Structure formats: structure tokens, C-alpha cells
Amino acid sequence: MKNEHKYKYEDPDHIYTDPKTHVLLNKLNIEDDNLLTVTESIWCGRRLEELAINPIKIKSAETLLKIHGYIFQDIYEWAGKVRTVQISKERTQFLPTERFSEGFTYINELIEEFRALGDDIPTVAKKLAEVLDATNHLHPFREGNGRTQREFIRVLALEKGYRLDLSSAEDQSVYERYMTGMIEGDKAMIAGLIEVIIGYYNRE
């Protein structure tokens, strides 16, 4: 679910929103925020189902753009493009747009470290948590960061032969713990959650 009221966007020129309704500008010309939320969820859910079958191979941190573009292609003209506005949430300031190059470079370094690791679950989980924390701090898109980074991390886990679902519809507590860890920037909590999920899905 969106929590727009908890986010702060520096967008005085209304690059992304209708100045009257404050609803995100969209390809379907929907002017009601609740309807847009539901419609977005349906269309993006379908695209995520397709990615579950045919995932986009991760070449670098820039693959985040391809994943976001695929998931949101039906809804937003700016799908797959980095945001041009600053975003903060409560006491969290996400990476300023002028530092995006630095952020992508750092994530690429983490991906290289991940790929150099063995496949023992605790070590894999710890590094995936670092990647997830970094992508969340980067927050490269105006909307859809969570869904994009969860798909990104899911595909990385597949490189080590592990299934990882951080948005499990089967257990709401998984998503709640994930969100808590992201909001608090608690990499240890996220690593522990990832380790449990990987262990659960990959039981012999």
C-alpha cells in the first residue's frame, strides 16, 4: 500500500502530479488516487507474475531501471527513469538526485562482492540485506521503489540458487518485518528475515 502522507516530495513544478488533484500523472488519465492505487496494483501485479516466470537478468545496478520500466510500463510515462525530485520520509532523507551516480556505483560494488561469495545462507543473507538497504537509500524512482527492489533482490538470490519472496501473500508478517527493517535501516533485521525465508523455501 502507498503511504503518500508519510513521504515528502520537493516537486513545486508538479512534474509528476496533477496540480489540482495531486494524483500522479498516469497513462490511464485516472484522477482519483484510490482508483489509481487499485489499478496500479492490478497491472503491476500482472507484470510481476510475468517476471516470476521470466526474470530480467541483473547485469548491474542499472538493471533496476529495466525492472521498474517493465513493472510500471502500463501506468507511468516515466517508468524506468530515475526521479528528478528529492524525496524524504519522516526522518529519512533518501539519496539526493545529484548523488545518483555515486549510489549506483556503490550498489555495483556490493553486487560484485555478492557474486564473489559462496552460497552459505547466512553470508548470502547478510550481503543481500546490504544491497537491499543501499537500493532503498538510493530510492531512484518517484513511485514503485519497494516493488522494484524486492524483484531485484529476488533475482540476485536466484543467482545463488535460492528462492526469496519478501512480499509473500502467504504471511503478512514477512512484509511487515521487511517494512520495519527498511524504515529503521536495520540491516541485521533484514538479514535475519532473508535468512529465515531462504531457509524455509530451500528446505531439503
C-alpha atoms as a PDB file:
ATOM      1  CA  MET A   1       0.000   0.000   0.000  1.00  0.00           C
ATOM      2  CA  LYS A   2       1.051   3.574  -0.567  1.00  0.00           C
ATOM      3  CA  ASN A   3       1.703   5.817   2.386  1.00  0.00           C
ATOM      4  CA  GLU A   4       1.900   9.086   0.479  1.00  0.00           C
ATOM      5  CA  HIS A   5       1.172  11.144   3.586  1.00  0.00           C
ATOM      6  CA  LYS A   6       4.401   9.935   5.188  1.00  0.00           C
ATOM      7  CA  TYR A   7       6.534  10.985   2.229  1.00  0.00           C
ATOM      8  CA  LYS A   8       7.662  14.491   1.351  1.00  0.00           C
ATOM      9  CA  TYR A   9       8.306  15.382  -2.272  1.00  0.00           C
ATOM     10  CA  GLU A  10      10.046  18.531  -3.445  1.00  0.00           C
ATOM     11  CA  ASP A  11       8.080  18.993  -6.658  1.00  0.00           C
ATOM     12  CA  PRO A  12       6.885  22.626  -6.852  1.00  0.00           C
ATOM     13  CA  ASP A  13       6.531  22.418 -10.644  1.00  0.00           C
ATOM     14  CA  HIS A  14       4.280  19.335 -10.453  1.00  0.00           C
ATOM     15  CA  ILE A  15       6.472  17.254 -12.720  1.00  0.00           C
ATOM     16  CA  TYR A  16       4.796  14.064 -11.520  1.00  0.00           C
ATOM     17  CA  THR A  17       1.405  15.133 -10.194  1.00  0.00           C
ATOM     18  CA  ASP A  18      -1.710  16.944 -11.319  1.00  0.00           C
ATOM     19  CA  PRO A  19      -1.592  20.392  -9.646  1.00  0.00           C
ATOM     20  CA  LYS A  20      -5.324  20.253  -8.870  1.00  0.00           C
ATOM     21  CA  THR A  21      -5.875  16.669  -7.715  1.00  0.00           C
ATOM     22  CA  HIS A  22      -2.260  15.955  -6.622  1.00  0.00           C
ATOM     23  CA  VAL A  23      -2.722  12.495  -8.170  1.00  0.00           C
ATOM     24  CA  LEU A  24       0.260  11.037 -10.007  1.00  0.00           C
ATOM     25  CA  LEU A  25       0.021  11.723 -13.728  1.00  0.00           C
ATOM     26  CA  ASN A  26      -0.651   8.412 -15.457  1.00  0.00           C
ATOM     27  CA  LYS A  27      -1.241   6.888 -18.884  1.00  0.00           C
ATOM     28  CA  LEU A  28      -4.825   5.982 -17.999  1.00  0.00           C
ATOM     29  CA  ASN A  29      -5.752   9.558 -17.058  1.00  0.00           C
ATOM     30  CA  ILE A  30      -7.078   8.419 -13.681  1.00  0.00           C
ATOM     31  CA  GLU A  31      -7.798  11.391 -11.424  1.00  0.00           C
ATOM     32  CA  ASP A  32      -8.820   9.558  -8.269  1.00  0.00           C
ATOM     33  CA  ASP A  33      -5.938   8.486  -6.028  1.00  0.00           C
ATOM     34  CA  ASN A  34      -7.692   5.415  -4.601  1.00  0.00           C
ATOM     35  CA  LEU A  35      -8.655   4.199  -8.062  1.00  0.00           C
ATOM     36  CA  LEU A  36      -5.103   4.735  -9.274  1.00  0.00           C
ATOM     37  CA  THR A  37      -3.744   2.733  -6.347  1.00  0.00           C
ATOM     38  CA  VAL A  38      -6.033  -0.220  -7.117  1.00  0.00           C
ATOM     39  CA  THR A  39      -5.438  -0.053 -10.872  1.00  0.00           C
ATOM     40  CA  GLU A  40      -1.689   0.236 -10.423  1.00  0.00           C
ATOM     41  CA  SER A  41      -1.702  -2.769  -8.119  1.00  0.00           C
ATOM     42  CA  ILE A  42      -3.571  -4.892 -10.664  1.00  0.00           C
ATOM     43  CA  TRP A  43      -1.412  -4.000 -13.662  1.00  0.00           C
ATOM     44  CA  CYS A  44       1.861  -4.195 -11.762  1.00  0.00           C
ATOM     45  CA  GLY A  45       0.805  -7.475 -10.170  1.00  0.00           C
ATOM     46  CA  ARG A  46       0.404  -8.951 -13.640  1.00  0.00           C
ATOM     47  CA  ARG A  47       3.819  -7.729 -14.703  1.00  0.00           C
ATOM     48  CA  LEU A  48       5.421  -9.154 -11.561  1.00  0.00           C
ATOM     49  CA  GLU A  49       3.799 -12.512 -12.310  1.00  0.00           C
ATOM     50  CA  GLU A  50       5.429 -12.408 -15.737  1.00  0.00           C
ATOM     51  CA  LEU A  51       8.799 -11.597 -14.187  1.00  0.00           C
ATOM     52  CA  ALA A  52       8.393 -14.521 -11.803  1.00  0.00           C
ATOM     53  CA  ILE A  53       8.444 -16.751 -14.892  1.00  0.00           C
ATOM     54  CA  ASN A  54      10.935 -14.787 -16.996  1.00  0.00           C
ATOM     55  CA  PRO A  55      13.071 -12.601 -14.698  1.00  0.00           C
ATOM     56  CA  ILE A  56      15.237  -9.807 -16.038  1.00  0.00           C
ATOM     57  CA  LYS A  57      18.853 -10.855 -15.603  1.00  0.00           C
ATOM     58  CA  ILE A  58      20.820  -8.467 -13.435  1.00  0.00           C
ATOM     59  CA  LYS A  59      23.842  -7.030 -15.199  1.00  0.00           C
ATOM     60  CA  SER A  60      24.444  -4.133 -12.829  1.00  0.00           C
ATOM     61  CA  ALA A  61      22.649  -1.715 -10.519  1.00  0.00           C
ATOM     62  CA  GLU A  62      21.239  -0.043 -13.639  1.00  0.00           C
ATOM     63  CA  THR A  63      19.077  -3.150 -14.135  1.00  0.00           C
ATOM     64  CA  LEU A  64      16.844  -1.542 -11.504  1.00  0.00           C
ATOM     65  CA  LEU A  65      15.730   0.797 -14.306  1.00  0.00           C
ATOM     66  CA  LYS A  66      14.779  -2.100 -16.595  1.00  0.00           C
ATOM     67  CA  ILE A  67      12.843  -3.842 -13.835  1.00  0.00           C
ATOM     68  CA  HIS A  68      10.974  -0.678 -12.879  1.00  0.00           C
ATOM     69  CA  GLY A  69      10.258   0.031 -16.543  1.00  0.00           C
ATOM     70  CA  TYR A  70       8.770  -3.427 -17.005  1.00  0.00           C
ATOM     71  CA  ILE A  71       6.637  -3.387 -13.860  1.00  0.00           C
ATOM     72  CA  PHE A  72       5.177   0.100 -14.397  1.00  0.00           C
ATOM     73  CA  GLN A  73       5.128   0.306 -18.204  1.00  0.00           C
ATOM     74  CA  ASP A  74       1.318   0.289 -18.347  1.00  0.00           C
ATOM     75  CA  ILE A  75       0.843   3.096 -15.836  1.00  0.00           C
ATOM     76  CA  TYR A  76       3.511   5.797 -15.998  1.00  0.00           C
ATOM     77  CA  GLU A  77       5.345   7.542 -18.838  1.00  0.00           C
ATOM     78  CA  TRP A  78       8.396   7.796 -16.562  1.00  0.00           C
ATOM     79  CA  ALA A  79       8.570   4.060 -15.869  1.00  0.00           C
ATOM     80  CA  GLY A  80      12.217   3.026 -15.871  1.00  0.00           C
ATOM     81  CA  LYS A  81      13.512   6.570 -15.446  1.00  0.00           C
ATOM     82  CA  VAL A  82      15.202   7.957 -12.335  1.00  0.00           C
ATOM     83  CA  ARG A  83      13.330  10.585 -10.363  1.00  0.00           C
ATOM     84  CA  THR A  84      14.145  14.264 -10.782  1.00  0.00           C
ATOM     85  CA  VAL A  85      12.731  15.355  -7.414  1.00  0.00           C
ATOM     86  CA  GLN A  86      14.012  14.933  -3.864  1.00  0.00           C
ATOM     87  CA  ILE A  87      12.207  12.518  -1.533  1.00  0.00           C
ATOM     88  CA  SER A  88      12.219  12.121   2.236  1.00  0.00           C
ATOM     89  CA  LYS A  89      10.123  10.012   4.591  1.00  0.00           C
ATOM     90  CA  GLU A  90       9.613  11.074   8.177  1.00  0.00           C
ATOM     91  CA  ARG A  91      13.224  11.450   9.406  1.00  0.00           C
ATOM     92  CA  THR A  92      14.758   9.625   6.421  1.00  0.00           C
ATOM     93  CA  GLN A  93      16.285  11.615   3.568  1.00  0.00           C
ATOM     94  CA  PHE A  94      16.752   9.437   0.504  1.00  0.00           C
ATOM     95  CA  LEU A  95      19.793   9.962  -1.693  1.00  0.00           C
ATOM     96  CA  PRO A  96      19.740  13.373  -3.415  1.00  0.00           C
ATOM     97  CA  THR A  97      19.406  13.158  -7.193  1.00  0.00           C
ATOM     98  CA  GLU A  98      22.800  14.791  -7.715  1.00  0.00           C
ATOM     99  CA  ARG A  99      24.417  11.821  -5.951  1.00  0.00           C
ATOM    100  CA  PHE A 100      22.752   9.082  -8.009  1.00  0.00           C
ATOM    101  CA  SER A 101      25.953   8.192  -9.858  1.00  0.00           C
ATOM    102  CA  GLU A 102      27.670   7.606  -6.513  1.00  0.00           C
ATOM    103  CA  GLY A 103      24.742   5.496  -5.319  1.00  0.00           C
ATOM    104  CA  PHE A 104      24.669   3.262  -8.390  1.00  0.00           C
ATOM    105  CA  THR A 105      28.440   2.799  -8.189  1.00  0.00           C
ATOM    106  CA  TYR A 106      28.202   1.680  -4.558  1.00  0.00           C
ATOM    107  CA  ILE A 107      25.462  -0.844  -5.348  1.00  0.00           C
ATOM    108  CA  ASN A 108      27.573  -2.219  -8.200  1.00  0.00           C
ATOM    109  CA  GLU A 109      30.400  -2.784  -5.716  1.00  0.00           C
ATOM    110  CA  LEU A 110      28.024  -4.663  -3.415  1.00  0.00           C
ATOM    111  CA  ILE A 111      26.819  -6.820  -6.316  1.00  0.00           C
ATOM    112  CA  GLU A 112      30.412  -7.741  -7.176  1.00  0.00           C
ATOM    113  CA  GLU A 113      31.028  -8.687  -3.539  1.00  0.00           C
ATOM    114  CA  PHE A 114      27.837 -10.759  -3.523  1.00  0.00           C
ATOM    115  CA  ARG A 115      28.837 -12.657  -6.633  1.00  0.00           C
ATOM    116  CA  ALA A 116      32.254 -13.419  -5.148  1.00  0.00           C
ATOM    117  CA  LEU A 117      30.655 -15.095  -2.123  1.00  0.00           C
ATOM    118  CA  GLY A 118      29.986 -18.765  -1.569  1.00  0.00           C
ATOM    119  CA  ASP A 119      26.431 -19.991  -1.188  1.00  0.00           C
ATOM    120  CA  ASP A 120      26.129 -20.451   2.575  1.00  0.00           C
ATOM    121  CA  ILE A 121      22.832 -18.928   3.609  1.00  0.00           C
ATOM    122  CA  PRO A 122      23.910 -16.608   6.480  1.00  0.00           C
ATOM    123  CA  THR A 123      26.610 -14.953   4.366  1.00  0.00           C
ATOM    124  CA  VAL A 124      24.320 -14.609   1.357  1.00  0.00           C
ATOM    125  CA  ALA A 125      21.541 -13.169   3.518  1.00  0.00           C
ATOM    126  CA  LYS A 126      23.842 -10.571   5.078  1.00  0.00           C
ATOM    127  CA  LYS A 127      25.091  -9.318   1.711  1.00  0.00           C
ATOM    128  CA  LEU A 128      21.588  -9.271   0.208  1.00  0.00           C
ATOM    129  CA  ALA A 129      20.487  -7.149   3.167  1.00  0.00           C
ATOM    130  CA  GLU A 130      23.290  -4.687   2.395  1.00  0.00           C
ATOM    131  CA  VAL A 131      22.223  -4.488  -1.262  1.00  0.00           C
ATOM    132  CA  LEU A 132      18.597  -4.017  -0.259  1.00  0.00           C
ATOM    133  CA  ASP A 133      19.464  -1.278   2.224  1.00  0.00           C
ATOM    134  CA  ALA A 134      21.553   0.536  -0.392  1.00  0.00           C
ATOM    135  CA  THR A 135      18.854   0.355  -3.071  1.00  0.00           C
ATOM    136  CA  ASN A 136      16.296   1.604  -0.582  1.00  0.00           C
ATOM    137  CA  HIS A 137      18.504   4.556   0.368  1.00  0.00           C
ATOM    138  CA  LEU A 138      19.024   5.311  -3.328  1.00  0.00           C
ATOM    139  CA  HIS A 139      15.236   5.283  -3.872  1.00  0.00           C
ATOM    140  CA  PRO A 140      15.704   6.075  -7.564  1.00  0.00           C
ATOM    141  CA  PHE A 141      12.051   6.341  -8.592  1.00  0.00           C
ATOM    142  CA  ARG A 142       9.178   8.706  -7.836  1.00  0.00           C
ATOM    143  CA  GLU A 143       6.951   5.710  -7.128  1.00  0.00           C
ATOM    144  CA  GLY A 144       7.424   1.940  -7.065  1.00  0.00           C
ATOM    145  CA  ASN A 145      10.784   1.644  -5.299  1.00  0.00           C
ATOM    146  CA  GLY A 146       9.730  -1.156  -2.961  1.00  0.00           C
ATOM    147  CA  ARG A 147       8.323  -3.443  -5.636  1.00  0.00           C
ATOM    148  CA  THR A 148      11.334  -2.836  -7.843  1.00  0.00           C
ATOM    149  CA  GLN A 149      13.943  -3.506  -5.162  1.00  0.00           C
ATOM    150  CA  ARG A 150      12.166  -6.657  -3.959  1.00  0.00           C
ATOM    151  CA  GLU A 151      12.212  -8.047  -7.505  1.00  0.00           C
ATOM    152  CA  PHE A 152      15.844  -7.001  -7.892  1.00  0.00           C
ATOM    153  CA  ILE A 153      16.876  -8.794  -4.706  1.00  0.00           C
ATOM    154  CA  ARG A 154      14.764 -11.837  -5.602  1.00  0.00           C
ATOM    155  CA  VAL A 155      16.668 -12.259  -8.859  1.00  0.00           C
ATOM    156  CA  LEU A 156      20.025 -11.798  -7.137  1.00  0.00           C
ATOM    157  CA  ALA A 157      19.119 -14.576  -4.713  1.00  0.00           C
ATOM    158  CA  LEU A 158      18.315 -16.830  -7.685  1.00  0.00           C
ATOM    159  CA  GLU A 159      21.931 -16.444  -8.819  1.00  0.00           C
ATOM    160  CA  LYS A 160      22.898 -18.445  -5.725  1.00  0.00           C
ATOM    161  CA  GLY A 161      20.086 -20.930  -6.331  1.00  0.00           C
ATOM    162  CA  TYR A 162      17.802 -19.557  -3.618  1.00  0.00           C
ATOM    163  CA  ARG A 163      14.143 -18.600  -3.707  1.00  0.00           C
ATOM    164  CA  LEU A 164      13.357 -15.358  -1.881  1.00  0.00           C
ATOM    165  CA  ASP A 165       9.945 -13.726  -1.587  1.00  0.00           C
ATOM    166  CA  LEU A 166       9.825 -10.595   0.560  1.00  0.00           C
ATOM    167  CA  SER A 167       6.251  -9.742  -0.388  1.00  0.00           C
ATOM    168  CA  SER A 168       4.715 -13.067   0.497  1.00  0.00           C
ATOM    169  CA  ALA A 169       0.929 -13.099   0.320  1.00  0.00           C
ATOM    170  CA  GLU A 170       1.026 -16.230   2.448  1.00  0.00           C
ATOM    171  CA  ASP A 171       2.443 -14.494   5.512  1.00  0.00           C
ATOM    172  CA  GLN A 172       1.699 -10.805   6.112  1.00  0.00           C
ATOM    173  CA  SER A 173       4.225 -10.729   8.947  1.00  0.00           C
ATOM    174  CA  VAL A 174       7.030 -11.193   6.396  1.00  0.00           C
ATOM    175  CA  TYR A 175       6.093  -7.965   4.630  1.00  0.00           C
ATOM    176  CA  GLU A 176       5.602  -6.150   7.942  1.00  0.00           C
ATOM    177  CA  ARG A 177       9.049  -7.175   9.197  1.00  0.00           C
ATOM    178  CA  TYR A 178      10.567  -6.204   5.867  1.00  0.00           C
ATOM    179  CA  MET A 179       8.960  -2.754   6.041  1.00  0.00           C
ATOM    180  CA  THR A 180      10.081  -2.239   9.645  1.00  0.00           C
ATOM    181  CA  GLY A 181      13.650  -3.127   8.745  1.00  0.00           C
ATOM    182  CA  MET A 182      13.603  -0.771   5.761  1.00  0.00           C
ATOM    183  CA  ILE A 183      12.130   2.147   7.698  1.00  0.00           C
ATOM    184  CA  GLU A 184      14.582   1.729  10.564  1.00  0.00           C
ATOM    185  CA  GLY A 185      17.541   0.948   8.306  1.00  0.00           C
ATOM    186  CA  ASP A 186      18.115  -2.219  10.345  1.00  0.00           C
ATOM    187  CA  LYS A 187      20.290  -4.399   8.115  1.00  0.00           C
ATOM    188  CA  ALA A 188      20.627  -7.063  10.810  1.00  0.00           C
ATOM    189  CA  MET A 189      16.846  -7.426  10.992  1.00  0.00           C
ATOM    190  CA  ILE A 190      16.577  -7.680   7.208  1.00  0.00           C
ATOM    191  CA  ALA A 191      19.437 -10.198   7.031  1.00  0.00           C
ATOM    192  CA  GLY A 192      17.752 -12.338   9.671  1.00  0.00           C
ATOM    193  CA  LEU A 193      14.457 -12.200   7.789  1.00  0.00           C
ATOM    194  CA  ILE A 194      16.117 -13.108   4.492  1.00  0.00           C
ATOM    195  CA  GLU A 195      17.939 -15.999   6.140  1.00  0.00           C
ATOM    196  CA  VAL A 196      14.702 -17.385   7.562  1.00  0.00           C
ATOM    197  CA  ILE A 197      12.860 -17.081   4.225  1.00  0.00           C
ATOM    198  CA  ILE A 198      15.649 -18.647   2.214  1.00  0.00           C
ATOM    199  CA  GLY A 199      15.904 -21.459   4.733  1.00  0.00           C
ATOM    200  CA  TYR A 200      12.137 -22.026   4.605  1.00  0.00           C
ATOM    201  CA  TYR A 201      11.891 -22.133   0.816  1.00  0.00           C
ATOM    202  CA  ASN A 202      15.017 -24.244   0.397  1.00  0.00           C
ATOM    203  CA  ARG A 203      14.394 -26.970   2.938  1.00  0.00           C
ATOM    204  CA  GLU A 204      15.539 -30.376   1.864  1.00  0.00           C
END
